[in-house]
PDB file of N, CA and C in Angstrom:
ATOM      1  N   UNK A   1       6.958   5.251  -8.912  1.00  0.00           N
ATOM      2  CA  UNK A   1       7.459   4.226  -8.899  1.00  0.00           C
ATOM      3  C   UNK A   1       7.261   3.533  -9.980  1.00  0.00           C
ATOM      4  N   UNK A   2       7.347   2.441 -10.130  1.00  0.00           N
ATOM      5  CA  UNK A   2       8.164   0.733 -11.220  1.00  0.00           C
ATOM      6  C   UNK A   2       6.977   0.509 -10.191  1.00  0.00           C
ATOM      7  N   UNK A   3       5.991   0.014 -11.157  1.00  0.00           N
ATOM      8  CA  UNK A   3       5.012  -1.458 -10.790  1.00  0.00           C
ATOM      9  C   UNK A   3       4.405  -1.619 -11.503  1.00  0.00           C
ATOM     10  N   UNK A   4       2.852  -1.680 -10.915  1.00  0.00           N
ATOM     11  CA  UNK A   4       2.014  -1.485 -11.595  1.00  0.00           C
ATOM     12  C   UNK A   4       1.139  -0.754 -12.459  1.00  0.00           C
ATOM     13  N   UNK A   5      -0.049  -1.017 -13.330  1.00  0.00           N
ATOM     14  CA  UNK A   5      -0.674  -0.086 -14.122  1.00  0.00           C
ATOM     15  C   UNK A   5      -1.698   0.848 -13.401  1.00  0.00           C
ATOM     16  N   UNK A   6      -2.879   1.387 -14.151  1.00  0.00           N
ATOM     17  CA  UNK A   6      -2.970   2.321 -13.166  1.00  0.00           C
ATOM     18  C   UNK A   6      -5.192   1.073 -12.680  1.00  0.00           C
ATOM     19  N   UNK A   7      -4.835  -0.368 -13.154  1.00  0.00           N
ATOM     20  CA  UNK A   7      -6.037  -0.458 -12.754  1.00  0.00           C
ATOM     21  C   UNK A   7      -6.056  -1.821 -11.859  1.00  0.00           C
ATOM     22  N   UNK A   8      -4.624  -1.757 -10.869  1.00  0.00           N
ATOM     23  CA  UNK A   8      -3.709  -2.709  -9.661  1.00  0.00           C
ATOM     24  C   UNK A   8      -4.880  -2.579  -9.066  1.00  0.00           C
ATOM     25  N   UNK A   9      -5.415  -4.182  -8.650  1.00  0.00           N
ATOM     26  CA  UNK A   9      -6.318  -4.149  -7.024  1.00  0.00           C
ATOM     27  C   UNK A   9      -4.952  -3.337  -5.891  1.00  0.00           C
ATOM     28  N   UNK A  10      -6.145  -3.056  -4.734  1.00  0.00           N
ATOM     29  CA  UNK A  10      -5.000  -2.501  -3.868  1.00  0.00           C
ATOM     30  C   UNK A  10      -6.171  -2.616  -3.196  1.00  0.00           C
ATOM     31  N   UNK A  11      -4.888  -3.989  -1.930  1.00  0.00           N
ATOM     32  CA  UNK A  11      -5.197  -4.574  -0.444  1.00  0.00           C
ATOM     33  C   UNK A  11      -4.694  -3.687   0.626  1.00  0.00           C
ATOM     34  N   UNK A  12      -4.719  -3.034   1.885  1.00  0.00           N
ATOM     35  CA  UNK A  12      -3.879  -2.514   3.375  1.00  0.00           C
ATOM     36  C   UNK A  12      -4.474  -3.719   4.271  1.00  0.00           C
ATOM     37  N   UNK A  13      -3.577  -3.880   4.237  1.00  0.00           N
ATOM     38  CA  UNK A  13      -3.586  -5.003   5.510  1.00  0.00           C
ATOM     39  C   UNK A  13      -4.160  -3.905   7.246  1.00  0.00           C
ATOM     40  N   UNK A  14      -5.091  -3.950   7.549  1.00  0.00           N
ATOM     41  CA  UNK A  14      -4.908  -2.609   7.991  1.00  0.00           C
ATOM     42  C   UNK A  14      -4.519  -3.187   9.511  1.00  0.00           C
ATOM     43  N   UNK A  15      -3.817  -2.245  10.285  1.00  0.00           N
ATOM     44  CA  UNK A  15      -2.438  -2.463  11.703  1.00  0.00           C
ATOM     45  C   UNK A  15      -1.743  -2.582  11.907  1.00  0.00           C
ATOM     46  N   UNK A  16      -1.323  -2.956  11.939  1.00  0.00           N
ATOM     47  CA  UNK A  16       0.373  -3.911  12.169  1.00  0.00           C
ATOM     48  C   UNK A  16       0.972  -5.036  11.510  1.00  0.00           C
ATOM     49  N   UNK A  17       2.095  -4.806  11.061  1.00  0.00           N
ATOM     50  CA  UNK A  17       2.174  -6.013  10.743  1.00  0.00           C
ATOM     51  C   UNK A  17       4.478  -6.154  10.948  1.00  0.00           C
ATOM     52  N   UNK A  18       5.329  -7.237  11.231  1.00  0.00           N
ATOM     53  CA  UNK A  18       6.212  -7.587  11.970  1.00  0.00           C
ATOM     54  C   UNK A  18       6.521  -6.682  10.461  1.00  0.00           C
ATOM     55  N   UNK A  19       7.942  -6.007  10.332  1.00  0.00           N
ATOM     56  CA  UNK A  19       8.394  -5.304   9.396  1.00  0.00           C
ATOM     57  C   UNK A  19       9.247  -6.399   9.430  1.00  0.00           C
ATOM     58  N   UNK A  20      10.096  -7.279   9.816  1.00  0.00           N
ATOM     59  CA  UNK A  20      11.133  -8.376   9.653  1.00  0.00           C
ATOM     60  C   UNK A  20      10.669  -9.002   8.752  1.00  0.00           C
ATOM     61  N   UNK A  21       9.526  -9.511   8.105  1.00  0.00           N
ATOM     62  CA  UNK A  21       8.802 -10.666   7.417  1.00  0.00           C
ATOM     63  C   UNK A  21       9.200  -9.934   5.907  1.00  0.00           C
ATOM     64  N   UNK A  22       9.281 -11.054   4.660  1.00  0.00           N
ATOM     65  CA  UNK A  22      10.379 -10.808   3.773  1.00  0.00           C
ATOM     66  C   UNK A  22       8.876 -11.160   2.467  1.00  0.00           C
ATOM     67  N   UNK A  23       8.714 -11.501   2.017  1.00  0.00           N
ATOM     68  CA  UNK A  23       8.694 -11.788   0.235  1.00  0.00           C
ATOM     69  C   UNK A  23       6.965 -12.949   1.374  1.00  0.00           C
ATOM     70  N   UNK A  24       8.656 -14.443   1.622  1.00  0.00           N
ATOM     71  CA  UNK A  24       6.863 -15.744   1.724  1.00  0.00           C
ATOM     72  C   UNK A  24       6.091 -15.257   2.905  1.00  0.00           C
ATOM     73  N   UNK A  25       6.641 -14.245   3.815  1.00  0.00           N
ATOM     74  CA  UNK A  25       5.826 -14.434   4.918  1.00  0.00           C
ATOM     75  C   UNK A  25       4.524 -12.881   4.403  1.00  0.00           C
ATOM     76  N   UNK A  26       5.236 -12.389   3.524  1.00  0.00           N
ATOM     77  CA  UNK A  26       4.244 -11.066   3.347  1.00  0.00           C
ATOM     78  C   UNK A  26       2.476 -11.581   2.567  1.00  0.00           C
ATOM     79  N   UNK A  27       3.587 -12.883   1.640  1.00  0.00           N
ATOM     80  CA  UNK A  27       3.032 -13.501   0.679  1.00  0.00           C
ATOM     81  C   UNK A  27       1.083 -14.161   1.565  1.00  0.00           C
ATOM     82  N   UNK A  28       2.443 -15.314   2.498  1.00  0.00           N
ATOM     83  CA  UNK A  28       1.369 -16.609   3.508  1.00  0.00           C
ATOM     84  C   UNK A  28      -0.442 -15.225   4.514  1.00  0.00           C
ATOM     85  N   UNK A  29       0.231 -13.770   4.551  1.00  0.00           N
ATOM     86  CA  UNK A  29      -0.559 -12.738   5.695  1.00  0.00           C
ATOM     87  C   UNK A  29      -1.732 -12.491   4.741  1.00  0.00           C
ATOM     88  N   UNK A  30      -0.747 -12.162   2.659  1.00  0.00           N
ATOM     89  CA  UNK A  30      -1.888 -12.005   2.702  1.00  0.00           C
ATOM     90  C   UNK A  30      -2.601 -12.743   2.094  1.00  0.00           C
ATOM     91  N   UNK A  31      -2.214 -13.950   1.822  1.00  0.00           N
ATOM     92  CA  UNK A  31      -3.019 -15.547   2.026  1.00  0.00           C
ATOM     93  C   UNK A  31      -4.154 -15.325   2.911  1.00  0.00           C
ATOM     94  N   UNK A  32      -3.809 -15.903   4.298  1.00  0.00           N
ATOM     95  CA  UNK A  32      -4.198 -15.902   5.744  1.00  0.00           C
ATOM     96  C   UNK A  32      -5.240 -14.553   5.695  1.00  0.00           C
ATOM     97  N   UNK A  33      -4.820 -13.677   6.330  1.00  0.00           N
ATOM     98  CA  UNK A  33      -5.758 -12.476   7.045  1.00  0.00           C
ATOM     99  C   UNK A  33      -6.135 -11.831   6.000  1.00  0.00           C
ATOM    100  N   UNK A  34      -5.908 -12.159   4.449  1.00  0.00           N
ATOM    101  CA  UNK A  34      -6.908 -10.795   2.933  1.00  0.00           C
ATOM    102  C   UNK A  34      -7.313 -11.809   2.896  1.00  0.00           C
ATOM    103  N   UNK A  35      -7.611 -13.212   3.102  1.00  0.00           N
ATOM    104  CA  UNK A  35      -7.790 -14.134   2.647  1.00  0.00           C
ATOM    105  C   UNK A  35      -8.243 -13.820   0.827  1.00  0.00           C
ATOM    106  N   UNK A  36      -6.744 -13.226   0.566  1.00  0.00           N
ATOM    107  CA  UNK A  36      -6.530 -13.184  -0.947  1.00  0.00           C
ATOM    108  C   UNK A  36      -5.003 -13.410  -1.773  1.00  0.00           C
ATOM    109  N   UNK A  37      -5.482 -13.501  -2.410  1.00  0.00           N
ATOM    110  CA  UNK A  37      -4.530 -15.421  -3.452  1.00  0.00           C
ATOM    111  C   UNK A  37      -3.321 -13.888  -4.162  1.00  0.00           C
ATOM    112  N   UNK A  38      -1.827 -13.885  -2.990  1.00  0.00           N
ATOM    113  CA  UNK A  38      -0.763 -13.142  -3.123  1.00  0.00           C
ATOM    114  C   UNK A  38      -0.194 -13.622  -4.361  1.00  0.00           C
ATOM    115  N   UNK A  39      -0.342 -14.377  -5.493  1.00  0.00           N
ATOM    116  CA  UNK A  39      -0.218 -13.284  -7.123  1.00  0.00           C
ATOM    117  C   UNK A  39      -1.360 -14.019  -8.197  1.00  0.00           C
ATOM    118  N   UNK A  40      -1.856 -13.245  -7.254  1.00  0.00           N
ATOM    119  CA  UNK A  40      -3.944 -12.233  -8.009  1.00  0.00           C
ATOM    120  C   UNK A  40      -3.317 -11.152  -9.206  1.00  0.00           C
ATOM    121  N   UNK A  41      -2.361 -10.789  -9.067  1.00  0.00           N
ATOM    122  CA  UNK A  41      -1.457  -9.537  -9.453  1.00  0.00           C
ATOM    123  C   UNK A  41      -1.939  -8.280  -8.837  1.00  0.00           C
ATOM    124  N   UNK A  42      -2.281  -8.439  -7.520  1.00  0.00           N
ATOM    125  CA  UNK A  42      -2.681  -7.213  -6.909  1.00  0.00           C
ATOM    126  C   UNK A  42      -1.759  -6.704  -5.957  1.00  0.00           C
ATOM    127  N   UNK A  43      -1.460  -5.551  -5.533  1.00  0.00           N
ATOM    128  CA  UNK A  43      -0.870  -4.880  -4.171  1.00  0.00           C
ATOM    129  C   UNK A  43      -1.132  -5.177  -3.123  1.00  0.00           C
ATOM    130  N   UNK A  44      -0.875  -5.622  -2.026  1.00  0.00           N
ATOM    131  CA  UNK A  44      -1.307  -6.035  -1.308  1.00  0.00           C
ATOM    132  C   UNK A  44       0.374  -4.827   0.128  1.00  0.00           C
ATOM    133  N   UNK A  45      -0.589  -3.796   0.393  1.00  0.00           N
ATOM    134  CA  UNK A  45      -0.010  -3.450   1.637  1.00  0.00           C
ATOM    135  C   UNK A  45       0.375  -3.341   2.815  1.00  0.00           C
ATOM    136  N   UNK A  46       1.221  -3.494   3.765  1.00  0.00           N
ATOM    137  CA  UNK A  46       1.756  -3.636   4.616  1.00  0.00           C
ATOM    138  C   UNK A  46       2.331  -2.306   5.670  1.00  0.00           C
ATOM    139  N   UNK A  47       2.162  -2.355   6.508  1.00  0.00           N
ATOM    140  CA  UNK A  47       2.953  -1.485   7.860  1.00  0.00           C
ATOM    141  C   UNK A  47       3.131  -1.290   8.465  1.00  0.00           C
ATOM    142  N   UNK A  48       4.527  -0.775   9.835  1.00  0.00           N
ATOM    143  CA  UNK A  48       5.686  -1.362  10.704  1.00  0.00           C
ATOM    144  C   UNK A  48       4.426  -1.043  11.811  1.00  0.00           C
ATOM    145  N   UNK A  49       4.285  -0.985  13.200  1.00  0.00           N
ATOM    146  CA  UNK A  49       4.402  -0.370  13.982  1.00  0.00           C
ATOM    147  C   UNK A  49       4.265   0.409  14.502  1.00  0.00           C
ATOM    148  N   UNK A  50       6.021   1.623  13.820  1.00  0.00           N
ATOM    149  CA  UNK A  50       6.081   2.928  14.192  1.00  0.00           C
ATOM    150  C   UNK A  50       5.263   3.517  13.207  1.00  0.00           C
ATOM    151  N   UNK A  51       4.933   2.839  12.231  1.00  0.00           N
ATOM    152  CA  UNK A  51       4.292   4.375  10.996  1.00  0.00           C
ATOM    153  C   UNK A  51       4.462   4.406   9.846  1.00  0.00           C
ATOM    154  N   UNK A  52       6.808   4.695  10.011  1.00  0.00           N
ATOM    155  CA  UNK A  52       7.173   5.529   9.446  1.00  0.00           C
ATOM    156  C   UNK A  52       7.614   4.026   7.729  1.00  0.00           C
ATOM    157  N   UNK A  53       7.636   2.989   8.343  1.00  0.00           N
ATOM    158  CA  UNK A  53       7.948   1.418   7.184  1.00  0.00           C
ATOM    159  C   UNK A  53       6.284   1.463   6.589  1.00  0.00           C
ATOM    160  N   UNK A  54       6.384   1.084   5.153  1.00  0.00           N
ATOM    161  CA  UNK A  54       5.639   0.631   4.003  1.00  0.00           C
ATOM    162  C   UNK A  54       6.429  -0.857   3.353  1.00  0.00           C
ATOM    163  N   UNK A  55       5.824  -1.994   3.346  1.00  0.00           N
ATOM    164  CA  UNK A  55       6.045  -2.693   2.171  1.00  0.00           C
ATOM    165  C   UNK A  55       4.293  -3.126   1.547  1.00  0.00           C
ATOM    166  N   UNK A  56       5.028  -3.300  -0.131  1.00  0.00           N
ATOM    167  CA  UNK A  56       4.237  -3.907  -0.346  1.00  0.00           C
ATOM    168  C   UNK A  56       4.906  -5.135  -1.460  1.00  0.00           C
ATOM    169  N   UNK A  57       3.720  -5.520  -1.682  1.00  0.00           N
ATOM    170  CA  UNK A  57       4.273  -7.637  -2.331  1.00  0.00           C
ATOM    171  C   UNK A  57       2.897  -7.307  -3.117  1.00  0.00           C
ATOM    172  N   UNK A  58       3.168  -7.455  -4.504  1.00  0.00           N
ATOM    173  CA  UNK A  58       3.055  -7.718  -5.694  1.00  0.00           C
ATOM    174  C   UNK A  58       2.839  -8.330  -6.478  1.00  0.00           C
ATOM    175  N   UNK A  59       2.672  -8.847  -7.594  1.00  0.00           N
ATOM    176  CA  UNK A  59       3.136 -10.428  -8.083  1.00  0.00           C
ATOM    177  C   UNK A  59       3.282  -9.814  -9.534  1.00  0.00           C
ATOM    178  N   UNK A  60       4.639  -9.655 -10.808  1.00  0.00           N
ATOM    179  CA  UNK A  60       4.117  -9.266 -11.379  1.00  0.00           C
ATOM    180  C   UNK A  60       4.041 -10.280 -12.758  1.00  0.00           C
ATOM    181  N   UNK A  61       3.627 -11.794 -12.656  1.00  0.00           N
ATOM    182  CA  UNK A  61       3.507 -12.640 -13.841  1.00  0.00           C
ATOM    183  C   UNK A  61       4.679 -13.569 -13.528  1.00  0.00           C
ATOM    184  N   UNK A  62       6.117 -12.948 -12.973  1.00  0.00           N
ATOM    185  CA  UNK A  62       6.757 -13.903 -13.282  1.00  0.00           C
ATOM    186  C   UNK A  62       7.396 -13.638 -12.195  1.00  0.00           C
ATOM    187  N   UNK A  63       7.159 -13.413 -11.165  1.00  0.00           N
ATOM    188  CA  UNK A  63       7.499 -13.505  -9.901  1.00  0.00           C
ATOM    189  C   UNK A  63       7.261 -12.569  -8.712  1.00  0.00           C
ATOM    190  N   UNK A  64       7.418 -12.125  -6.973  1.00  0.00           N
ATOM    191  CA  UNK A  64       6.968 -11.771  -6.769  1.00  0.00           C
ATOM    192  C   UNK A  64       7.697  -9.959  -6.585  1.00  0.00           C
ATOM    193  N   UNK A  65       6.995  -8.550  -6.442  1.00  0.00           N
ATOM    194  CA  UNK A  65       8.471  -7.310  -6.647  1.00  0.00           C
ATOM    195  C   UNK A  65       7.753  -7.305  -5.234  1.00  0.00           C
ATOM    196  N   UNK A  66       8.812  -6.991  -4.283  1.00  0.00           N
ATOM    197  CA  UNK A  66       8.720  -6.418  -2.803  1.00  0.00           C
ATOM    198  C   UNK A  66       9.812  -5.116  -2.944  1.00  0.00           C
ATOM    199  N   UNK A  67       8.557  -4.140  -1.978  1.00  0.00           N
ATOM    200  CA  UNK A  67       8.874  -2.206  -2.839  1.00  0.00           C
ATOM    201  C   UNK A  67       8.576  -1.696  -1.337  1.00  0.00           C
ATOM    202  N   UNK A  68      10.079  -1.337  -0.253  1.00  0.00           N
ATOM    203  CA  UNK A  68       9.911  -1.124   1.324  1.00  0.00           C
ATOM    204  C   UNK A  68      10.172   0.694   0.412  1.00  0.00           C
ATOM    205  N   UNK A  69       9.771   1.404   1.448  1.00  0.00           N
ATOM    206  CA  UNK A  69       9.135   2.461   1.851  1.00  0.00           C
ATOM    207  C   UNK A  69      10.030   3.220   3.342  1.00  0.00           C
ATOM    208  N   UNK A  70      10.944   3.861   3.567  1.00  0.00           N
ATOM    209  CA  UNK A  70      11.173   4.153   4.956  1.00  0.00           C
ATOM    210  C   UNK A  70      10.930   5.927   4.896  1.00  0.00           C
ATOM    211  N   UNK A  71      10.171   6.487   5.530  1.00  0.00           N
ATOM    212  CA  UNK A  71       9.832   7.645   5.908  1.00  0.00           C
ATOM    213  C   UNK A  71      10.934   8.628   7.171  1.00  0.00           C
ATOM    214  N   UNK A  72      11.099   9.465   6.190  1.00  0.00           N
ATOM    215  CA  UNK A  72      12.608  10.756   7.503  1.00  0.00           C
ATOM    216  C   UNK A  72      11.494  10.845   8.007  1.00  0.00           C
ATOM    217  N   UNK A  73      10.419  11.596   8.058  1.00  0.00           N
ATOM    218  CA  UNK A  73       9.927  12.463   8.559  1.00  0.00           C
ATOM    219  C   UNK A  73       8.588  12.015   8.452  1.00  0.00           C
ATOM    220  N   UNK A  74       7.962  11.996   9.523  1.00  0.00           N
ATOM    221  CA  UNK A  74       6.025  12.192   9.711  1.00  0.00           C
ATOM    222  C   UNK A  74       5.937  10.219   9.816  1.00  0.00           C
ATOM    223  N   UNK A  75       4.247  10.047   9.173  1.00  0.00           N
ATOM    224  CA  UNK A  75       4.008   8.622   9.578  1.00  0.00           C
ATOM    225  C   UNK A  75       3.502   8.140   7.614  1.00  0.00           C
ATOM    226  N   UNK A  76       2.631   6.988   8.060  1.00  0.00           N
ATOM    227  CA  UNK A  76       1.800   6.836   6.036  1.00  0.00           C
ATOM    228  C   UNK A  76       0.288   6.599   7.413  1.00  0.00           C
ATOM    229  N   UNK A  77      -0.911   7.363   6.502  1.00  0.00           N
ATOM    230  CA  UNK A  77      -1.658   7.271   7.313  1.00  0.00           C
ATOM    231  C   UNK A  77      -2.570   5.875   6.413  1.00  0.00           C
ATOM    232  N   UNK A  78      -3.447   5.677   8.433  1.00  0.00           N
ATOM    233  CA  UNK A  78      -3.806   3.791   7.890  1.00  0.00           C
ATOM    234  C   UNK A  78      -4.991   3.218   9.142  1.00  0.00           C
ATOM    235  N   UNK A  79      -5.666   2.806   8.455  1.00  0.00           N
ATOM    236  CA  UNK A  79      -6.747   2.521   9.411  1.00  0.00           C
ATOM    237  C   UNK A  79      -6.528   1.560  10.494  1.00  0.00           C
ATOM    238  N   UNK A  80      -7.818   1.489  11.276  1.00  0.00           N
ATOM    239  CA  UNK A  80      -6.300   1.679  12.670  1.00  0.00           C
ATOM    240  C   UNK A  80      -7.432  -0.030  12.076  1.00  0.00           C
ATOM    241  N   UNK A  81      -7.369  -1.572  13.160  1.00  0.00           N
ATOM    242  CA  UNK A  81      -6.838  -3.206  13.137  1.00  0.00           C
ATOM    243  C   UNK A  81      -8.128  -3.264  13.288  1.00  0.00           C
ATOM    244  N   UNK A  82      -9.374  -2.916  13.639  1.00  0.00           N
ATOM    245  CA  UNK A  82     -10.714  -3.124  13.584  1.00  0.00           C
ATOM    246  C   UNK A  82     -10.546  -2.595  12.570  1.00  0.00           C
ATOM    247  N   UNK A  83     -10.798  -2.363  11.759  1.00  0.00           N
ATOM    248  CA  UNK A  83     -10.819  -2.478  10.042  1.00  0.00           C
ATOM    249  C   UNK A  83     -10.477  -3.252   9.603  1.00  0.00           C
ATOM    250  N   UNK A  84      -9.880  -4.132   9.664  1.00  0.00           N
ATOM    251  CA  UNK A  84      -9.219  -5.973   9.104  1.00  0.00           C
ATOM    252  C   UNK A  84      -9.501  -5.150   7.689  1.00  0.00           C
ATOM    253  N   UNK A  85      -9.634  -4.927   6.489  1.00  0.00           N
ATOM    254  CA  UNK A  85      -9.423  -5.145   5.196  1.00  0.00           C
ATOM    255  C   UNK A  85      -9.077  -3.323   4.698  1.00  0.00           C
ATOM    256  N   UNK A  86      -8.624  -2.719   3.668  1.00  0.00           N
ATOM    257  CA  UNK A  86      -9.300  -2.025   3.162  1.00  0.00           C
ATOM    258  C   UNK A  86      -8.608  -1.593   1.131  1.00  0.00           C
ATOM    259  N   UNK A  87      -9.478  -1.332   1.091  1.00  0.00           N
ATOM    260  CA  UNK A  87      -9.803  -1.427  -0.607  1.00  0.00           C
ATOM    261  C   UNK A  87      -8.947   0.309  -1.599  1.00  0.00           C
ATOM    262  N   UNK A  88      -7.778   0.008  -2.055  1.00  0.00           N
ATOM    263  CA  UNK A  88      -8.150   1.408  -2.331  1.00  0.00           C
ATOM    264  C   UNK A  88      -7.653   1.355  -4.484  1.00  0.00           C
ATOM    265  N   UNK A  89      -7.895   2.782  -4.368  1.00  0.00           N
ATOM    266  CA  UNK A  89      -7.700   2.818  -5.669  1.00  0.00           C
ATOM    267  C   UNK A  89      -5.951   2.087  -5.977  1.00  0.00           C
ATOM    268  N   UNK A  90      -5.697   2.825  -7.422  1.00  0.00           N
ATOM    269  CA  UNK A  90      -4.224   2.906  -7.653  1.00  0.00           C
ATOM    270  C   UNK A  90      -3.679   4.094  -7.572  1.00  0.00           C
ATOM    271  N   UNK A  91      -4.827   5.419  -8.140  1.00  0.00           N
ATOM    272  CA  UNK A  91      -4.422   6.639  -7.247  1.00  0.00           C
ATOM    273  C   UNK A  91      -4.007   6.916  -5.517  1.00  0.00           C
ATOM    274  N   UNK A  92      -5.257   6.035  -5.234  1.00  0.00           N
ATOM    275  CA  UNK A  92      -4.839   6.109  -3.011  1.00  0.00           C
ATOM    276  C   UNK A  92      -3.710   5.979  -3.337  1.00  0.00           C
ATOM    277  N   UNK A  93      -3.188   5.077  -3.963  1.00  0.00           N
ATOM    278  CA  UNK A  93      -1.966   3.991  -3.344  1.00  0.00           C
ATOM    279  C   UNK A  93      -0.835   5.255  -3.771  1.00  0.00           C
ATOM    280  N   UNK A  94      -0.901   6.155  -4.944  1.00  0.00           N
ATOM    281  CA  UNK A  94       0.060   6.092  -5.820  1.00  0.00           C
ATOM    282  C   UNK A  94       0.751   7.549  -3.957  1.00  0.00           C
ATOM    283  N   UNK A  95      -1.370   7.578  -3.931  1.00  0.00           N
ATOM    284  CA  UNK A  95      -0.590   9.609  -2.386  1.00  0.00           C
ATOM    285  C   UNK A  95       0.040   8.010  -1.427  1.00  0.00           C
ATOM    286  N   UNK A  96      -0.719   7.490  -1.001  1.00  0.00           N
ATOM    287  CA  UNK A  96       0.118   6.089   0.143  1.00  0.00           C
ATOM    288  C   UNK A  96       1.458   6.559   0.259  1.00  0.00           C
ATOM    289  N   UNK A  97       1.931   5.958  -1.023  1.00  0.00           N
ATOM    290  CA  UNK A  97       3.517   5.970  -0.909  1.00  0.00           C
ATOM    291  C   UNK A  97       4.532   7.586  -0.969  1.00  0.00           C
ATOM    292  N   UNK A  98       3.901   8.651  -1.533  1.00  0.00           N
ATOM    293  CA  UNK A  98       4.322  10.148  -0.602  1.00  0.00           C
ATOM    294  C   UNK A  98       4.016   9.831   0.765  1.00  0.00           C
ATOM    295  N   UNK A  99       2.988   8.896   0.865  1.00  0.00           N
ATOM    296  CA  UNK A  99       2.993   9.977   2.440  1.00  0.00           C
ATOM    297  C   UNK A  99       2.516  10.784   2.441  1.00  0.00           C
ATOM    298  N   UNK A 100       0.472  10.393   1.546  1.00  0.00           N
ATOM    299  CA  UNK A 100       0.341  12.125   1.669  1.00  0.00           C
ATOM    300  C   UNK A 100      -1.116  10.899   2.205  1.00  0.00           C
ATOM    301  N   UNK A 101      -1.912  12.035   2.579  1.00  0.00           N
ATOM    302  CA  UNK A 101      -3.326  11.398   3.222  1.00  0.00           C
ATOM    303  C   UNK A 101      -4.587  11.149   2.839  1.00  0.00           C
ATOM    304  N   UNK A 102      -4.338   9.431   1.914  1.00  0.00           N
ATOM    305  CA  UNK A 102      -4.961   9.317   1.018  1.00  0.00           C
ATOM    306  C   UNK A 102      -6.877   9.525   1.386  1.00  0.00           C
ATOM    307  N   UNK A 103      -6.896   9.403   3.369  1.00  0.00           N
ATOM    308  CA  UNK A 103      -8.427   8.666   3.484  1.00  0.00           C
ATOM    309  C   UNK A 103      -8.836  10.978   2.795  1.00  0.00           C
ATOM    310  N   UNK A 104      -7.917  11.882   3.261  1.00  0.00           N
ATOM    311  CA  UNK A 104      -8.744  13.226   2.917  1.00  0.00           C
ATOM    312  C   UNK A 104      -7.387  13.927   2.422  1.00  0.00           C
ATOM    313  N   UNK A 105      -7.814  13.993   1.311  1.00  0.00           N
ATOM    314  CA  UNK A 105      -6.565  14.613   0.356  1.00  0.00           C
ATOM    315  C   UNK A 105      -6.835  16.309  -0.121  1.00  0.00           C
ATOM    316  N   UNK A 106      -5.818  17.077   0.306  1.00  0.00           N
ATOM    317  CA  UNK A 106      -6.677  18.416  -0.103  1.00  0.00           C
ATOM    318  C   UNK A 106      -6.591  18.716  -1.416  1.00  0.00           C
ATOM    319  N   UNK A 107      -7.238  19.492  -1.973  1.00  0.00           N
ATOM    320  CA  UNK A 107      -7.655  19.408  -3.650  1.00  0.00           C
ATOM    321  C   UNK A 107      -6.700  20.441  -3.104  1.00  0.00           C
ATOM    322  N   UNK A 108      -6.408  20.656  -4.474  1.00  0.00           N
ATOM    323  CA  UNK A 108      -6.200  22.263  -4.709  1.00  0.00           C
ATOM    324  C   UNK A 108      -6.622  22.806  -5.735  1.00  0.00           C
ATOM    325  N   UNK A 109      -7.002  24.402  -6.265  1.00  0.00           N
ATOM    326  CA  UNK A 109      -7.684  24.859  -6.914  1.00  0.00           C
ATOM    327  C   UNK A 109      -7.035  24.848  -8.127  1.00  0.00           C
ATOM    328  N   UNK A 110      -7.892  23.962  -9.188  1.00  0.00           N
ATOM    329  CA  UNK A 110      -7.320  23.313 -11.191  1.00  0.00           C
ATOM    330  C   UNK A 110      -6.675  24.562 -11.113  1.00  0.00           C
ATOM    331  N   UNK A 111      -5.488  24.439 -11.967  1.00  0.00           N
ATOM    332  CA  UNK A 111      -5.422  24.755 -12.865  1.00  0.00           C
ATOM    333  C   UNK A 111      -5.865  26.270 -13.781  1.00  0.00           C
ATOM    334  N   UNK A 112      -5.212  27.570 -13.474  1.00  0.00           N
ATOM    335  CA  UNK A 112      -5.696  28.460 -14.370  1.00  0.00           C
ATOM    336  C   UNK A 112      -5.232  29.017 -16.045  1.00  0.00           C
ATOM    337  N   UNK A 113      -6.022  28.145 -16.885  1.00  0.00           N
ATOM    338  CA  UNK A 113      -5.411  28.466 -17.861  1.00  0.00           C
ATOM    339  C   UNK A 113      -5.765  31.025 -18.991  1.00  0.00           C
ATOM    340  N   UNK A 114      -4.143  30.080 -18.847  1.00  0.00           N
ATOM    341  CA  UNK A 114      -3.830  31.862 -19.652  1.00  0.00           C
ATOM    342  C   UNK A 114      -4.601  31.719 -21.114  1.00  0.00           C
ATOM    343  N   UNK A 115      -5.074  32.981 -21.366  1.00  0.00           N
ATOM    344  CA  UNK A 115      -5.923  33.096 -23.041  1.00  0.00           C
ATOM    345  C   UNK A 115      -4.474  33.877 -23.140  1.00  0.00           C
TER     346      UNK A 115
END
């Protein structure tokens, strides 16, 4: 994914969001609901009601970037609306974007070294 680096702050808007919203609507949500400056350089993640769509809003210093993904199968893992806001690491964001459950990743054994 082209976008923010590994030290970016990531905020999830828990619950569901109307996925018809564009950059202006999502920026207003980030400011009002999440109480964060949408132009701070953080990534703001929003999920639709069905759970198969996600939008990421990111200010790159020149303007807003809006990333949108729809899964063919499955749903994006998401906290309930009662949780309010969740904070993720860049690694958790990468897992979320791929549809992996970032809350309980399944770690495999480390690669074996051949001598």
